[in-house]
N, C-alpha and C. Protein backbone atom coordinates (compact mmCIF):
# COMPACT_ATOMS: atom_id res chain seq x y z
N MET A 1 127.55 -167.74 117.65
CA MET A 1 127.10 -168.41 118.85
C MET A 1 126.89 -169.89 118.56
N ALA A 2 127.31 -170.74 119.48
CA ALA A 2 127.21 -172.19 119.29
C ALA A 2 125.75 -172.64 119.32
N GLN A 3 125.45 -173.62 118.50
CA GLN A 3 124.13 -174.23 118.50
C GLN A 3 124.07 -175.26 119.61
N LYS A 4 122.88 -175.48 120.16
CA LYS A 4 122.72 -176.54 121.15
C LYS A 4 122.99 -177.88 120.47
N PRO A 5 123.75 -178.76 121.13
CA PRO A 5 124.00 -180.08 120.54
C PRO A 5 122.70 -180.85 120.35
N GLN A 6 122.69 -181.75 119.39
CA GLN A 6 121.50 -182.56 119.13
C GLN A 6 121.14 -183.41 120.35
N ASN A 7 122.13 -183.80 121.13
CA ASN A 7 121.88 -184.65 122.29
C ASN A 7 121.68 -183.84 123.57
N TRP A 8 121.24 -182.58 123.40
CA TRP A 8 121.02 -181.67 124.53
C TRP A 8 120.05 -182.31 125.51
N GLY A 9 120.33 -182.23 126.79
CA GLY A 9 119.43 -182.76 127.81
C GLY A 9 119.90 -184.08 128.39
N ARG A 10 120.78 -184.79 127.71
CA ARG A 10 121.28 -186.04 128.28
C ARG A 10 122.44 -185.74 129.23
N MET A 11 122.88 -186.75 129.92
CA MET A 11 124.00 -186.61 130.87
C MET A 11 125.23 -186.10 130.12
N VAL A 12 125.80 -184.99 130.58
CA VAL A 12 126.99 -184.42 129.96
C VAL A 12 128.22 -185.16 130.48
N ARG A 13 129.08 -185.53 129.55
CA ARG A 13 130.32 -186.24 129.90
C ARG A 13 131.45 -185.20 129.94
N LEU A 14 131.91 -184.92 131.14
CA LEU A 14 132.92 -183.89 131.34
C LEU A 14 134.33 -184.45 131.36
N GLY A 15 135.23 -183.66 130.83
CA GLY A 15 136.65 -183.86 131.05
C GLY A 15 137.08 -182.75 131.99
N PHE A 16 137.95 -183.03 132.89
CA PHE A 16 138.45 -182.03 133.82
C PHE A 16 139.92 -181.79 133.52
N LEU A 17 140.28 -180.53 133.35
CA LEU A 17 141.67 -180.16 133.10
C LEU A 17 142.16 -179.41 134.33
N GLY A 18 143.01 -180.06 135.09
CA GLY A 18 143.53 -179.47 136.32
C GLY A 18 142.74 -179.93 137.53
N CYS A 19 143.44 -180.42 138.52
CA CYS A 19 142.76 -180.83 139.76
C CYS A 19 143.57 -180.39 140.97
N GLY A 20 143.96 -179.13 140.94
CA GLY A 20 144.65 -178.53 142.06
C GLY A 20 143.65 -178.09 143.12
N PHE A 21 143.99 -177.06 143.86
CA PHE A 21 143.19 -176.64 145.01
C PHE A 21 141.75 -176.31 144.63
N MET A 22 141.55 -175.38 143.68
CA MET A 22 140.19 -174.99 143.30
C MET A 22 139.49 -176.08 142.52
N GLY A 23 140.23 -176.77 141.67
CA GLY A 23 139.64 -177.85 140.89
C GLY A 23 139.01 -178.91 141.77
N GLN A 24 139.76 -179.36 142.75
CA GLN A 24 139.25 -180.38 143.68
C GLN A 24 138.27 -179.80 144.70
N GLY A 25 138.71 -178.72 145.34
CA GLY A 25 137.99 -178.21 146.50
C GLY A 25 136.65 -177.59 146.20
N VAL A 26 136.45 -177.13 144.97
CA VAL A 26 135.20 -176.45 144.65
C VAL A 26 134.56 -177.06 143.39
N HIS A 27 135.23 -176.95 142.27
CA HIS A 27 134.59 -177.27 140.99
C HIS A 27 134.26 -178.75 140.81
N LEU A 28 135.20 -179.62 141.01
CA LEU A 28 134.95 -181.05 140.80
C LEU A 28 133.80 -181.54 141.68
N ARG A 29 133.85 -181.20 142.94
CA ARG A 29 132.79 -181.63 143.86
C ARG A 29 131.42 -181.05 143.49
N ASN A 30 131.40 -179.79 143.10
CA ASN A 30 130.12 -179.17 142.74
C ASN A 30 129.55 -179.76 141.46
N PHE A 31 130.37 -180.00 140.46
CA PHE A 31 129.85 -180.62 139.23
C PHE A 31 129.33 -182.03 139.52
N LEU A 32 130.06 -182.79 140.30
CA LEU A 32 129.61 -184.15 140.64
C LEU A 32 128.30 -184.12 141.43
N ALA A 33 128.14 -183.13 142.29
CA ALA A 33 126.95 -183.04 143.14
C ALA A 33 125.68 -182.70 142.37
N THR A 34 125.80 -182.16 141.15
CA THR A 34 124.60 -181.79 140.40
C THR A 34 123.80 -183.00 139.96
N GLY A 35 124.47 -184.12 139.75
CA GLY A 35 123.79 -185.30 139.22
C GLY A 35 123.44 -185.16 137.75
N LYS A 36 123.89 -184.09 137.10
CA LYS A 36 123.55 -183.85 135.70
C LYS A 36 124.75 -184.05 134.77
N CYS A 37 125.83 -184.51 135.33
CA CYS A 37 127.01 -184.77 134.50
C CYS A 37 127.79 -185.92 135.13
N GLN A 38 128.64 -186.48 134.32
CA GLN A 38 129.58 -187.47 134.83
C GLN A 38 130.96 -187.02 134.41
N VAL A 39 131.92 -187.20 135.28
CA VAL A 39 133.29 -186.85 134.93
C VAL A 39 133.89 -188.08 134.28
N ALA A 40 134.09 -188.00 132.97
CA ALA A 40 134.53 -189.13 132.17
C ALA A 40 136.05 -189.23 132.09
N ALA A 41 136.74 -188.10 132.29
CA ALA A 41 138.20 -188.10 132.14
C ALA A 41 138.80 -186.93 132.90
N LEU A 42 140.07 -187.08 133.21
CA LEU A 42 140.82 -186.06 133.94
C LEU A 42 142.17 -185.90 133.26
N ALA A 43 142.59 -184.67 133.03
CA ALA A 43 143.94 -184.39 132.54
C ALA A 43 144.62 -183.52 133.59
N GLU A 44 145.76 -183.97 134.01
CA GLU A 44 146.51 -183.28 135.07
C GLU A 44 147.99 -183.52 134.83
N ALA A 45 148.79 -182.46 134.92
CA ALA A 45 150.23 -182.56 134.65
C ALA A 45 150.98 -183.35 135.71
N ARG A 46 150.39 -183.48 136.89
CA ARG A 46 151.04 -184.22 137.99
C ARG A 46 150.43 -185.62 138.05
N PRO A 47 151.12 -186.64 137.51
CA PRO A 47 150.55 -187.99 137.39
C PRO A 47 150.08 -188.59 138.72
N ARG A 48 150.84 -188.44 139.78
CA ARG A 48 150.42 -189.01 141.06
C ARG A 48 149.16 -188.35 141.58
N LEU A 49 149.06 -187.03 141.42
CA LEU A 49 147.87 -186.32 141.84
C LEU A 49 146.68 -186.76 141.00
N ALA A 50 146.87 -186.87 139.70
CA ALA A 50 145.78 -187.30 138.81
C ALA A 50 145.26 -188.67 139.23
N ALA A 51 146.15 -189.61 139.50
CA ALA A 51 145.74 -190.96 139.89
C ALA A 51 144.96 -190.95 141.20
N ALA A 52 145.43 -190.19 142.17
CA ALA A 52 144.76 -190.15 143.48
C ALA A 52 143.38 -189.49 143.39
N VAL A 53 143.28 -188.40 142.64
CA VAL A 53 141.99 -187.72 142.51
C VAL A 53 141.01 -188.59 141.71
N ALA A 54 141.50 -189.21 140.65
CA ALA A 54 140.64 -190.09 139.85
C ALA A 54 140.11 -191.24 140.70
N GLN A 55 140.95 -191.81 141.53
CA GLN A 55 140.52 -192.91 142.39
C GLN A 55 139.47 -192.43 143.40
N ARG A 56 139.71 -191.30 144.04
CA ARG A 56 138.77 -190.79 145.04
C ARG A 56 137.38 -190.53 144.45
N HIS A 57 137.35 -189.99 143.23
CA HIS A 57 136.08 -189.56 142.65
C HIS A 57 135.54 -190.50 141.57
N GLY A 58 136.17 -191.64 141.39
CA GLY A 58 135.68 -192.61 140.42
C GLY A 58 135.77 -192.15 138.98
N ILE A 59 136.79 -191.40 138.65
CA ILE A 59 136.98 -190.92 137.28
C ILE A 59 137.70 -192.02 136.50
N PRO A 60 137.06 -192.54 135.43
CA PRO A 60 137.57 -193.74 134.78
C PRO A 60 138.81 -193.57 133.91
N LYS A 61 139.09 -192.35 133.42
CA LYS A 61 140.19 -192.20 132.47
C LYS A 61 141.06 -191.02 132.86
N ILE A 62 142.37 -191.21 132.76
CA ILE A 62 143.33 -190.12 133.01
C ILE A 62 144.08 -189.85 131.71
N HIS A 63 144.15 -188.57 131.35
CA HIS A 63 144.89 -188.15 130.17
C HIS A 63 146.09 -187.33 130.61
N ALA A 64 147.10 -187.32 129.76
CA ALA A 64 148.32 -186.57 130.07
C ALA A 64 148.25 -185.11 129.63
N SER A 65 147.29 -184.77 128.76
CA SER A 65 147.27 -183.41 128.22
C SER A 65 145.88 -183.01 127.76
N GLU A 66 145.75 -181.71 127.46
CA GLU A 66 144.50 -181.21 126.90
C GLU A 66 144.26 -181.75 125.50
N MET A 67 145.34 -182.08 124.77
CA MET A 67 145.18 -182.65 123.43
C MET A 67 144.49 -184.00 123.51
N GLU A 68 144.83 -184.79 124.50
CA GLU A 68 144.16 -186.08 124.68
C GLU A 68 142.69 -185.88 125.03
N LEU A 69 142.37 -184.88 125.86
CA LEU A 69 140.97 -184.57 126.15
C LEU A 69 140.24 -184.15 124.87
N ALA A 70 140.91 -183.34 124.06
CA ALA A 70 140.30 -182.86 122.81
C ALA A 70 139.97 -184.01 121.87
N LEU A 71 140.77 -185.05 121.90
CA LEU A 71 140.58 -186.19 121.00
C LEU A 71 139.69 -187.28 121.59
N ASP A 72 139.33 -187.18 122.85
CA ASP A 72 138.53 -188.21 123.51
C ASP A 72 137.07 -188.11 123.08
N PRO A 73 136.55 -189.12 122.38
CA PRO A 73 135.15 -189.07 121.92
C PRO A 73 134.14 -189.20 123.06
N ASN A 74 134.60 -189.59 124.24
CA ASN A 74 133.71 -189.74 125.39
C ASN A 74 133.65 -188.49 126.26
N VAL A 75 134.22 -187.39 125.78
CA VAL A 75 134.19 -186.11 126.49
C VAL A 75 133.42 -185.11 125.65
N ASP A 76 132.32 -184.59 126.22
CA ASP A 76 131.51 -183.57 125.53
C ASP A 76 131.99 -182.16 125.83
N ALA A 77 132.42 -181.95 127.05
CA ALA A 77 132.78 -180.61 127.51
C ALA A 77 133.93 -180.73 128.50
N VAL A 78 134.65 -179.63 128.66
CA VAL A 78 135.81 -179.63 129.55
C VAL A 78 135.66 -178.50 130.57
N VAL A 79 135.95 -178.82 131.81
CA VAL A 79 136.04 -177.85 132.89
C VAL A 79 137.53 -177.67 133.13
N ALA A 80 138.04 -176.48 132.87
CA ALA A 80 139.47 -176.23 133.00
C ALA A 80 139.69 -175.23 134.13
N ILE A 81 140.25 -175.72 135.22
CA ILE A 81 140.51 -174.87 136.37
C ILE A 81 142.02 -174.72 136.50
N THR A 82 142.52 -173.75 135.75
CA THR A 82 143.95 -173.51 135.67
C THR A 82 144.20 -172.00 135.76
N SER A 83 145.43 -171.64 135.82
CA SER A 83 145.81 -170.24 135.83
C SER A 83 145.42 -169.59 134.50
N GLU A 84 144.98 -168.34 134.58
CA GLU A 84 144.57 -167.62 133.37
C GLU A 84 145.70 -167.48 132.35
N VAL A 85 146.94 -167.52 132.79
CA VAL A 85 148.05 -167.41 131.83
C VAL A 85 148.14 -168.65 130.94
N LEU A 86 147.51 -169.74 131.35
CA LEU A 86 147.54 -170.97 130.55
C LEU A 86 146.38 -171.07 129.57
N HIS A 87 145.34 -170.27 129.74
CA HIS A 87 144.15 -170.39 128.89
C HIS A 87 144.49 -170.33 127.40
N ARG A 88 145.39 -169.44 127.02
CA ARG A 88 145.71 -169.29 125.60
C ARG A 88 146.40 -170.53 125.03
N HIS A 89 146.96 -171.37 125.89
CA HIS A 89 147.67 -172.55 125.43
C HIS A 89 146.74 -173.73 125.16
N PHE A 90 145.66 -173.87 125.92
CA PHE A 90 144.80 -175.03 125.74
C PHE A 90 143.41 -174.73 125.21
N ALA A 91 142.87 -173.55 125.49
CA ALA A 91 141.48 -173.26 125.13
C ALA A 91 141.23 -173.38 123.62
N PRO A 92 142.07 -172.79 122.76
CA PRO A 92 141.79 -172.93 121.33
C PRO A 92 141.77 -174.39 120.86
N THR A 93 142.66 -175.21 121.37
CA THR A 93 142.70 -176.63 120.98
C THR A 93 141.39 -177.32 121.33
N LEU A 94 140.93 -177.14 122.56
CA LEU A 94 139.70 -177.79 123.00
C LEU A 94 138.48 -177.28 122.24
N LEU A 95 138.41 -175.97 122.08
CA LEU A 95 137.24 -175.37 121.42
C LEU A 95 137.18 -175.74 119.94
N ARG A 96 138.31 -175.73 119.25
CA ARG A 96 138.30 -176.11 117.82
C ARG A 96 137.93 -177.58 117.65
N ALA A 97 138.20 -178.39 118.68
CA ALA A 97 137.82 -179.80 118.64
C ALA A 97 136.33 -179.99 118.95
N GLY A 98 135.63 -178.89 119.20
CA GLY A 98 134.20 -178.96 119.47
C GLY A 98 133.85 -179.27 120.91
N LYS A 99 134.83 -179.17 121.80
CA LYS A 99 134.56 -179.40 123.22
C LYS A 99 134.07 -178.10 123.83
N HIS A 100 132.90 -178.12 124.43
CA HIS A 100 132.40 -176.96 125.15
C HIS A 100 133.34 -176.75 126.33
N LEU A 101 133.55 -175.49 126.71
CA LEU A 101 134.59 -175.20 127.69
C LEU A 101 134.10 -174.25 128.77
N PHE A 102 134.35 -174.62 130.01
CA PHE A 102 134.09 -173.81 131.18
C PHE A 102 135.44 -173.49 131.79
N ILE A 103 135.79 -172.20 131.86
CA ILE A 103 137.07 -171.80 132.47
C ILE A 103 136.82 -170.72 133.51
N GLU A 104 137.79 -170.55 134.37
CA GLU A 104 137.73 -169.51 135.39
C GLU A 104 138.07 -168.16 134.79
N LYS A 105 137.67 -167.12 135.48
CA LYS A 105 138.00 -165.75 135.10
C LYS A 105 139.47 -165.50 135.35
N PRO A 106 140.08 -164.58 134.66
CA PRO A 106 139.61 -163.92 133.46
C PRO A 106 139.81 -164.82 132.25
N LEU A 107 139.16 -164.46 131.15
CA LEU A 107 139.28 -165.24 129.92
C LEU A 107 140.74 -165.34 129.49
N SER A 108 141.44 -164.23 129.55
CA SER A 108 142.81 -164.21 129.06
C SER A 108 143.57 -163.06 129.69
N THR A 109 144.87 -163.08 129.48
CA THR A 109 145.71 -161.99 129.98
C THR A 109 146.03 -160.97 128.90
N SER A 110 145.49 -161.19 127.68
CA SER A 110 145.66 -160.21 126.62
C SER A 110 144.46 -160.22 125.69
N VAL A 111 144.22 -159.10 125.05
CA VAL A 111 143.11 -158.99 124.11
C VAL A 111 143.34 -159.94 122.94
N THR A 112 144.57 -160.02 122.45
CA THR A 112 144.88 -160.87 121.30
C THR A 112 144.54 -162.33 121.58
N SER A 113 144.97 -162.85 122.72
CA SER A 113 144.67 -164.26 123.01
C SER A 113 143.19 -164.45 123.32
N ALA A 114 142.55 -163.46 123.91
CA ALA A 114 141.10 -163.57 124.15
C ALA A 114 140.36 -163.66 122.83
N GLN A 115 140.74 -162.86 121.86
CA GLN A 115 140.11 -162.91 120.54
C GLN A 115 140.34 -164.27 119.87
N GLU A 116 141.53 -164.82 120.02
CA GLU A 116 141.84 -166.14 119.46
C GLU A 116 140.96 -167.23 120.10
N ILE A 117 140.76 -167.15 121.40
CA ILE A 117 139.92 -168.12 122.11
C ILE A 117 138.48 -168.02 121.61
N VAL A 118 137.98 -166.82 121.46
CA VAL A 118 136.60 -166.63 120.97
C VAL A 118 136.47 -167.15 119.54
N ARG A 119 137.46 -166.86 118.68
CA ARG A 119 137.43 -167.38 117.30
C ARG A 119 137.43 -168.91 117.30
N ALA A 120 138.21 -169.51 118.18
CA ALA A 120 138.27 -170.98 118.26
C ALA A 120 136.92 -171.56 118.65
N ALA A 121 136.21 -170.90 119.56
CA ALA A 121 134.87 -171.37 119.94
C ALA A 121 133.94 -171.31 118.75
N GLN A 122 134.02 -170.24 117.97
CA GLN A 122 133.18 -170.11 116.78
C GLN A 122 133.53 -171.17 115.75
N GLN A 123 134.81 -171.39 115.52
CA GLN A 123 135.26 -172.38 114.54
C GLN A 123 134.84 -173.80 114.93
N GLY A 124 134.89 -174.10 116.22
CA GLY A 124 134.52 -175.44 116.69
C GLY A 124 133.05 -175.58 117.02
N ASN A 125 132.27 -174.52 116.81
CA ASN A 125 130.85 -174.52 117.17
C ASN A 125 130.67 -174.98 118.62
N ALA A 126 131.52 -174.47 119.48
CA ALA A 126 131.53 -174.87 120.88
C ALA A 126 131.13 -173.70 121.78
N MET A 127 130.48 -174.01 122.87
CA MET A 127 130.10 -173.00 123.86
C MET A 127 131.27 -172.74 124.79
N LEU A 128 131.49 -171.48 125.11
CA LEU A 128 132.55 -171.06 126.02
C LEU A 128 131.91 -170.30 127.16
N MET A 129 132.21 -170.72 128.39
CA MET A 129 131.71 -170.01 129.56
C MET A 129 132.88 -169.63 130.45
N VAL A 130 132.94 -168.36 130.78
CA VAL A 130 133.95 -167.88 131.71
C VAL A 130 133.24 -167.67 133.04
N ALA A 131 133.62 -168.43 134.03
CA ALA A 131 132.98 -168.37 135.35
C ALA A 131 133.33 -167.07 136.03
N TYR A 132 132.30 -166.35 136.42
CA TYR A 132 132.51 -165.13 137.17
C TYR A 132 131.36 -164.97 138.15
N MET A 133 131.40 -165.76 139.20
CA MET A 133 130.30 -165.82 140.15
C MET A 133 130.19 -164.59 141.03
N LYS A 134 131.23 -163.84 141.18
CA LYS A 134 131.20 -162.69 142.09
C LYS A 134 130.28 -161.58 141.60
N ARG A 135 129.92 -161.58 140.32
CA ARG A 135 129.02 -160.57 139.80
C ARG A 135 127.72 -160.50 140.60
N CYS A 136 127.26 -161.64 141.09
CA CYS A 136 125.98 -161.72 141.81
C CYS A 136 126.15 -161.70 143.33
N ASP A 137 127.35 -161.57 143.80
CA ASP A 137 127.61 -161.52 145.24
C ASP A 137 127.01 -160.22 145.80
N PRO A 138 126.27 -160.30 146.91
CA PRO A 138 125.64 -159.09 147.46
C PRO A 138 126.62 -157.96 147.78
N ASN A 139 127.81 -158.31 148.24
CA ASN A 139 128.79 -157.26 148.54
C ASN A 139 129.32 -156.59 147.28
N VAL A 140 129.49 -157.38 146.23
CA VAL A 140 129.94 -156.82 144.95
C VAL A 140 128.85 -155.92 144.38
N GLU A 141 127.60 -156.36 144.45
CA GLU A 141 126.50 -155.53 143.96
C GLU A 141 126.41 -154.22 144.74
N ARG A 142 126.62 -154.28 146.03
CA ARG A 142 126.59 -153.06 146.86
C ARG A 142 127.74 -152.13 146.48
N ALA A 143 128.93 -152.69 146.31
CA ALA A 143 130.08 -151.87 145.92
C ALA A 143 129.85 -151.25 144.55
N ARG A 144 129.30 -152.02 143.61
CA ARG A 144 129.02 -151.48 142.28
C ARG A 144 128.07 -150.28 142.36
N LYS A 145 127.03 -150.40 143.18
CA LYS A 145 126.07 -149.30 143.33
C LYS A 145 126.75 -148.08 143.95
N MET A 146 127.56 -148.31 144.99
CA MET A 146 128.24 -147.19 145.64
C MET A 146 129.16 -146.47 144.65
N ILE A 147 129.93 -147.23 143.87
CA ILE A 147 130.84 -146.62 142.91
C ILE A 147 130.06 -145.89 141.82
N SER A 148 128.99 -146.51 141.33
CA SER A 148 128.16 -145.86 140.30
C SER A 148 127.60 -144.54 140.80
N ASP A 149 127.13 -144.54 142.05
CA ASP A 149 126.59 -143.31 142.61
C ASP A 149 127.67 -142.23 142.72
N LEU A 150 128.87 -142.60 143.14
CA LEU A 150 129.97 -141.64 143.28
C LEU A 150 130.42 -141.10 141.92
N VAL A 151 130.42 -141.98 140.91
CA VAL A 151 130.76 -141.53 139.56
C VAL A 151 129.68 -140.59 139.04
N ALA A 152 128.42 -140.96 139.26
CA ALA A 152 127.30 -140.15 138.76
C ALA A 152 127.27 -138.75 139.36
N ASP A 153 127.60 -138.62 140.64
CA ASP A 153 127.55 -137.28 141.24
C ASP A 153 128.88 -136.53 141.11
N GLY A 154 129.87 -137.17 140.46
CA GLY A 154 131.14 -136.49 140.19
C GLY A 154 132.13 -136.49 141.32
N SER A 155 131.78 -137.04 142.50
CA SER A 155 132.69 -136.95 143.64
C SER A 155 133.87 -137.93 143.58
N LEU A 156 133.77 -138.93 142.73
CA LEU A 156 134.86 -139.91 142.64
C LEU A 156 135.88 -139.51 141.58
N GLY A 157 135.45 -138.85 140.56
CA GLY A 157 136.36 -138.53 139.46
C GLY A 157 136.45 -139.68 138.48
N ALA A 158 137.38 -139.57 137.56
CA ALA A 158 137.54 -140.60 136.52
C ALA A 158 138.21 -141.84 137.11
N ILE A 159 137.66 -143.00 136.82
CA ILE A 159 138.27 -144.25 137.27
C ILE A 159 139.27 -144.70 136.21
N THR A 160 140.50 -144.90 136.62
CA THR A 160 141.52 -145.37 135.68
C THR A 160 141.94 -146.80 135.99
N PHE A 161 141.70 -147.27 137.20
CA PHE A 161 142.05 -148.63 137.58
C PHE A 161 141.30 -148.98 138.84
N ALA A 162 140.85 -150.21 138.94
CA ALA A 162 140.18 -150.66 140.15
C ALA A 162 140.51 -152.12 140.40
N THR A 163 140.61 -152.49 141.65
CA THR A 163 140.79 -153.89 142.03
C THR A 163 140.05 -154.10 143.34
N ALA A 164 139.64 -155.33 143.56
CA ALA A 164 138.91 -155.65 144.80
C ALA A 164 139.37 -156.99 145.33
N ILE A 165 139.36 -157.12 146.62
CA ILE A 165 139.69 -158.39 147.27
C ILE A 165 138.52 -158.72 148.18
N ASP A 166 137.95 -159.89 147.99
CA ASP A 166 136.80 -160.32 148.79
C ASP A 166 137.15 -161.65 149.43
N LEU A 167 137.35 -161.65 150.70
CA LEU A 167 137.72 -162.87 151.41
C LEU A 167 136.59 -163.42 152.26
N GLY A 168 135.39 -162.92 152.06
CA GLY A 168 134.28 -163.32 152.91
C GLY A 168 133.48 -164.46 152.35
N GLY A 169 132.68 -165.05 153.21
CA GLY A 169 131.72 -166.06 152.78
C GLY A 169 132.29 -167.47 152.76
N ASP A 170 131.40 -168.41 152.52
CA ASP A 170 131.76 -169.82 152.44
C ASP A 170 132.04 -170.17 150.99
N TRP A 171 133.18 -169.75 150.48
CA TRP A 171 133.49 -169.90 149.08
C TRP A 171 133.81 -171.33 148.66
N ILE A 172 133.96 -172.25 149.61
CA ILE A 172 134.14 -173.65 149.23
C ILE A 172 132.87 -174.45 149.47
N ALA A 173 131.75 -173.75 149.61
CA ALA A 173 130.42 -174.34 149.62
C ALA A 173 130.23 -175.41 150.69
N GLY A 174 130.86 -175.23 151.83
CA GLY A 174 130.67 -176.15 152.94
C GLY A 174 131.46 -177.44 152.86
N TYR A 175 132.25 -177.62 151.80
CA TYR A 175 133.03 -178.84 151.67
C TYR A 175 134.21 -178.81 152.63
N PRO A 176 134.63 -179.97 153.11
CA PRO A 176 135.82 -179.99 153.98
C PRO A 176 137.07 -179.67 153.15
N ALA A 177 138.04 -179.09 153.78
CA ALA A 177 139.30 -178.79 153.10
C ALA A 177 140.19 -180.03 153.14
N ASP A 178 139.83 -181.03 152.35
CA ASP A 178 140.55 -182.30 152.37
C ASP A 178 141.11 -182.66 151.00
N ASN A 179 141.59 -181.64 150.29
CA ASN A 179 142.15 -181.87 148.97
C ASN A 179 143.35 -182.81 149.04
N ILE A 180 143.51 -183.59 147.99
CA ILE A 180 144.66 -184.46 147.86
C ILE A 180 145.83 -183.62 147.37
N THR A 181 146.99 -183.78 147.95
CA THR A 181 148.19 -183.10 147.49
C THR A 181 149.30 -184.12 147.29
N THR A 182 150.21 -183.81 146.42
CA THR A 182 151.40 -184.64 146.22
C THR A 182 152.60 -183.74 146.24
N ASP A 183 153.78 -184.31 146.29
CA ASP A 183 154.98 -183.47 146.36
C ASP A 183 155.45 -183.03 145.01
């Protein structure tokens, strides 16, 4: 488990990896709204999108890759809002560089790459957080109880696979849907 940094409690300098729909529409705005961090850098594969988002949100530095974020001494932690299939490509690099990392669920698409990501966090003494906010959603909690009760009384049988789709609620936290897009 990672140790708390010596400078714990000061303003966290974030790097953002990815500024697509969820990155802009939810995560970037919410992190900026906390007042407890500053977005010091942005890495985005689409240069025009990166420039426009950086300008809108006052992000001072744009990087071309996660490697540049990993090497940036002005970045303490990275928020990576990308597809889970990409996590295995960038997470180990950032974590071994000692960058604390916040990524979306799921951690990985395979056990092998998930184990590699966890090892990288240990090697870099970096904290890794996989965002999974639905665990505390009232509807998810209700469904969990219903399924547990059905399993306990034997009426459901053995569960071999489960999936859920939840389209309810204000999942963009009241923000306008005004994301920047490029071609």
